[in-house]
Amino acid sequence: MRICAKASAAEIMSGWRFFSLILLALALLSFLVACSTNPVTGERQFTLMSQSQEIALGQQQYPPSQQAQGGAYLLDPAVQRYVNAVGQKLARQSAQPNLPYEFVVLNNDVPNAWALPGGKIAINRGLLVQLEDEAQLASVLGHEIVHAAARHSAEQQVTNLGLSVLAGVAVTQTDNPLYQQAAMMGAGGFQAFYSRENELEADYYGINYMVAAGYDPYGAVELQQTFLRLSQEQGAKSDPFSALFASHPPSAERVKKNRSRAKKMPKGERNRQAFLDAIKQLRRDQPAYDKHQAALVAASTHKNWSQALALTDEAIRQQPKEARFYLTKGHLLQRDGKNDLALNAFDRAVSLESQFFATRLYRGLLHHQLGNYNPASQDLEASHQILPTQVSSFYLGDIAQKLGNRRQALDYYREAAEGGGDLGREAVIRARSLGLSLPP
């Protein structure tokens, strides 16, 4: 149980000077941290921001978080409507039914789901295909709804801030931490690492929401069994699954607790056929996504570029409307120096998903490499508007410098420098060459 406690003067007084320092520290903490009631459990908890601030943060971070983790899945809009309908049905049973809940399916292979403050929730395509029915989907969404309704993200921010202050660590961030990341498909956006207590709380109350909405609580047992199986299969590997298991650590304990709870609850609907009907396009396309994943492994792990290209072409033949396959093909062709063919592949990716930051980014980078600065600038600026990245900032700065626009170049280099790393250091050098002093 979380307790918001006050220390008495007698307990802390050991001389006026020490007492004054304690009062100053308490005043600082009272400014930084507020004590509030958990809307789900009714217990007291520390939070860093008001709920209106949480809602504003979630609304601000939702679009870039989606972009950074693969973008919305667009090949079958019906699955988006279906998942949102199930999510809204559950949200109405939550302790905070009036939050502005939204639910989106992301085009990401990793079987994961997450919640932003204020009820902005995402589930990956890769998790949907691991599920068997609507009750299991309800378990996923109900769990994430609890994280949002119980304000777990705000609570974790307090914990993290407290650790930083106590350790004397100075943390410097840009307004949006996504902007510091490398431009990679599937890169992590918002990532919450909840405590064991938060996870068990989300399991417990998520089952309540499921049952109130008419679902079979055993869906929650099966979901944790699925995560436990995946962790055992993938645990020894260094791959995107590591982020999943860091943010949602599965355990036999959670399976046991969910099973014990489900035994005490009334049975409910499974809606298996409705679920299978909703994800039939995803299931039909899964072999193509498997080929694409095999292509990425062939390229990144085995450096077998010809096999990677062959596997990518197979994926395209099976699903010719998936922009991400053409991005991979473009990269492979560009690596072989086949720039005209690579540009064709990137053109196709843009035509399929012009509002996914990566399609415009990578076409822009190839145009830049070829010296086509006008189309490069257009693509990079479009990508930057969708999701600002260090890569787009740097190369927009380079183009502005080449075209003689010193002030614009400096602005972009300043943004790129904030990302750190090799590219950030190069941005500092470029900015200094133009007369702007930036910290190393």
Foldseek 3Di string as FASTA:
>chain_A
DDDDDDDDLVVQDDDPVSSVVVVVVVVVCCQQWPWDAQLAPRDIAIFRDDLVVQLVVQVVQLLQQLLQQAHFDDPAVLLLVVLQVLLLLLLCLGSCNPQPAHETEHAHQAQAKAAGARHDIYGYLNVLVLDQFVLLSLLRSQLRSSCRSRVQVRRVVVVVVVVCVVVVHDDDDDPANLQLDDRDHRHGGDADAGDPVSNLSSNVVSLVSSVVSFAQLCSSLVNLVSLVVVCVVCVVDPDPNVSRCRRRPRDVVSSVVSVVNSVPGDHGDGHRVVSCVSCVVSVQLVVLVVLQVVLVCCCPPVVNLVSSLVSLVVSCVSPVLALVSLQSNLVSCVVVVVLVVSLVSLVSSCVNPVLNLVSLQVNLVSCVVVVVLVSSLVSLVSSCVSPNYLSSLQVNLVSCVVVPNLVSSLVSLVSNLSSDDPSNVVSQVVNVVSPDHDDD
